[in-house]
Protein backbone atom coordinates (compact mmCIF):
# COMPACT_ATOMS: atom_id res chain seq x y z
CA UNK A 1 -78.14 -0.15 -87.46
CA UNK A 2 -78.91 2.75 -89.44
CA UNK A 3 -76.69 4.63 -92.11
CA UNK A 4 -76.32 8.25 -91.60
CA UNK A 5 -75.73 10.71 -94.06
CA UNK A 6 -72.35 12.78 -94.02
CA UNK A 7 -74.05 15.19 -96.62
CA UNK A 8 -77.82 16.03 -97.16
CA UNK A 9 -78.65 19.44 -99.12
CA UNK A 10 -82.19 20.17 -100.13
CA UNK A 11 -82.77 22.78 -102.46
CA UNK A 12 -87.17 23.50 -102.65
CA UNK A 13 -87.53 19.92 -101.43
CA UNK A 14 -88.93 17.80 -98.79
CA UNK A 15 -87.79 14.98 -98.52
CA UNK A 16 -90.02 11.96 -96.36
CA UNK A 17 -87.26 10.02 -94.29
CA UNK A 18 -84.02 11.15 -93.54
CA UNK A 19 -82.04 10.04 -96.37
CA UNK A 20 -84.87 8.23 -98.81
CA UNK A 21 -88.79 7.44 -99.61
CA UNK A 22 -90.69 9.90 -101.22
CA UNK A 23 -89.49 13.44 -102.66
CA UNK A 24 -92.01 16.39 -102.94
CA UNK A 25 -91.57 19.62 -104.29
CA UNK A 26 -92.22 22.13 -101.51
CA UNK A 27 -94.35 24.60 -103.40
CA UNK A 28 -96.78 22.41 -105.49
CA UNK A 29 -95.95 19.49 -102.94
CA UNK A 30 -96.30 17.42 -106.15
CA UNK A 31 -94.04 14.10 -105.57
CA UNK A 32 -91.18 14.16 -108.05
CA UNK A 33 -89.26 11.09 -106.89
CA UNK A 34 -88.80 8.28 -105.23
CA UNK A 35 -85.07 7.36 -103.79
CA UNK A 36 -84.45 3.29 -102.36
CA UNK A 37 -83.08 3.39 -98.80
CA UNK A 38 -80.21 1.39 -98.63
CA UNK A 39 -78.51 0.78 -102.51
CA UNK A 40 -76.78 4.05 -103.41
CA UNK A 41 -73.74 5.76 -101.75
CA UNK A 42 -74.40 9.24 -103.94
CA UNK A 43 -77.49 10.83 -105.19
CA UNK A 44 -77.20 14.07 -106.83
CA UNK A 45 -80.93 15.78 -108.52
CA UNK A 46 -81.81 18.80 -110.22
CA UNK A 47 -84.98 19.21 -111.27
CA UNK A 48 -87.80 21.52 -112.61
CA UNK A 49 -90.85 21.13 -111.74
CA UNK A 50 -94.14 21.12 -113.73
CA UNK A 51 -94.95 24.48 -111.84
CA UNK A 52 -91.45 26.00 -112.22
CA UNK A 53 -89.92 25.41 -109.26
CA UNK A 54 -86.34 24.99 -109.46
CA UNK A 55 -85.06 21.81 -106.83
CA UNK A 56 -81.89 19.81 -106.23
CA UNK A 57 -81.02 16.78 -103.55
CA UNK A 58 -77.67 16.54 -102.29
CA UNK A 59 -76.56 13.40 -100.54
CA UNK A 60 -73.44 11.32 -99.44
CA UNK A 61 -72.86 8.37 -97.30
CA UNK A 62 -69.08 8.74 -97.95
CA UNK A 63 -66.36 11.31 -97.78
CA UNK A 64 -64.61 10.48 -101.23
CA UNK A 65 -65.84 7.61 -103.88
CA UNK A 66 -63.64 6.73 -106.32
CA UNK A 67 -66.93 5.26 -107.90
CA UNK A 68 -66.11 3.82 -111.51
CA UNK A 69 -67.45 6.54 -113.93
CA UNK A 70 -70.40 3.82 -116.15
CA UNK A 71 -71.80 5.30 -119.95
CA UNK A 72 -74.20 2.56 -119.17
CA UNK A 73 -77.77 3.84 -118.87
CA UNK A 74 -79.99 3.15 -115.56
CA UNK A 75 -81.76 0.12 -116.06
CA UNK A 76 -85.73 0.53 -115.91
CA UNK A 77 -88.24 -2.20 -114.03
CA UNK A 78 -91.41 -1.16 -113.10
CA UNK A 79 -90.72 2.58 -113.51
CA UNK A 80 -87.91 2.15 -111.25
CA UNK A 81 -84.26 3.11 -112.69
CA UNK A 82 -81.69 0.17 -111.59
CA UNK A 83 -78.41 -0.54 -111.51
CA UNK A 84 -77.68 -2.70 -114.55
CA UNK A 85 -75.25 -4.93 -113.09
CA UNK A 86 -77.40 -6.36 -110.45
CA UNK A 87 -80.89 -4.79 -111.46
CA UNK A 88 -80.99 -3.08 -107.81
CA UNK A 89 -83.91 -0.93 -107.49
CA UNK A 90 -82.23 2.52 -107.13
CA UNK A 91 -84.65 5.99 -107.34
CA UNK A 92 -87.90 6.25 -109.21
CA UNK A 93 -88.58 9.57 -111.60
CA UNK A 94 -92.17 11.08 -111.65
CA UNK A 95 -91.42 11.98 -114.75
CA UNK A 96 -95.12 12.89 -115.55
CA UNK A 97 -94.72 16.35 -112.66
CA UNK A 98 -91.22 17.22 -113.95
CA UNK A 99 -90.42 19.13 -116.73
CA UNK A 100 -86.93 18.18 -116.35
CA UNK A 101 -84.24 16.61 -114.50
CA UNK A 102 -80.85 15.23 -114.26
CA UNK A 103 -79.64 13.07 -111.45
CA UNK A 104 -76.09 10.65 -111.05
CA UNK A 105 -76.50 8.21 -108.32
CA UNK A 106 -73.80 5.86 -107.28
CA UNK A 107 -74.65 1.86 -106.76
CA UNK A 108 -73.50 0.82 -103.15
CA UNK A 109 -72.65 -2.77 -104.23
CA UNK A 110 -71.10 -2.19 -107.39
CA UNK A 111 -69.57 1.38 -107.18
CA UNK A 112 -70.53 2.47 -109.54
CA UNK A 113 -71.90 6.25 -110.55
CA UNK A 114 -75.08 6.62 -112.94
CA UNK A 115 -76.18 9.57 -114.55
CA UNK A 116 -79.39 10.03 -116.61
CA UNK A 117 -81.67 13.03 -117.68
CA UNK A 118 -85.47 13.49 -118.49
């Protein structure tokens, strides 16, 4: 049975599927990220595209999340940012299409929140 997000907010952004897949800037239609389907419980992403558009994505599957915040960075494996504990792929950021971005994501297998900036 597919999961349904309880919160989903998109600003100046197009999400290809309901709660994951390719994320696009709605001004220039360039890809800004790829969000994996089943490996996260919370995703908060803010970006400035190369076209100057500022966008964001906020998706939550839980009303409250008691996730432990980690100081450890996400692990990069084949251009994907992964959980450093179990290598679960979480998100790919297409940095060549972005001026800057900030994200936080909660891995649903270890219930840990990771932050990343570019």
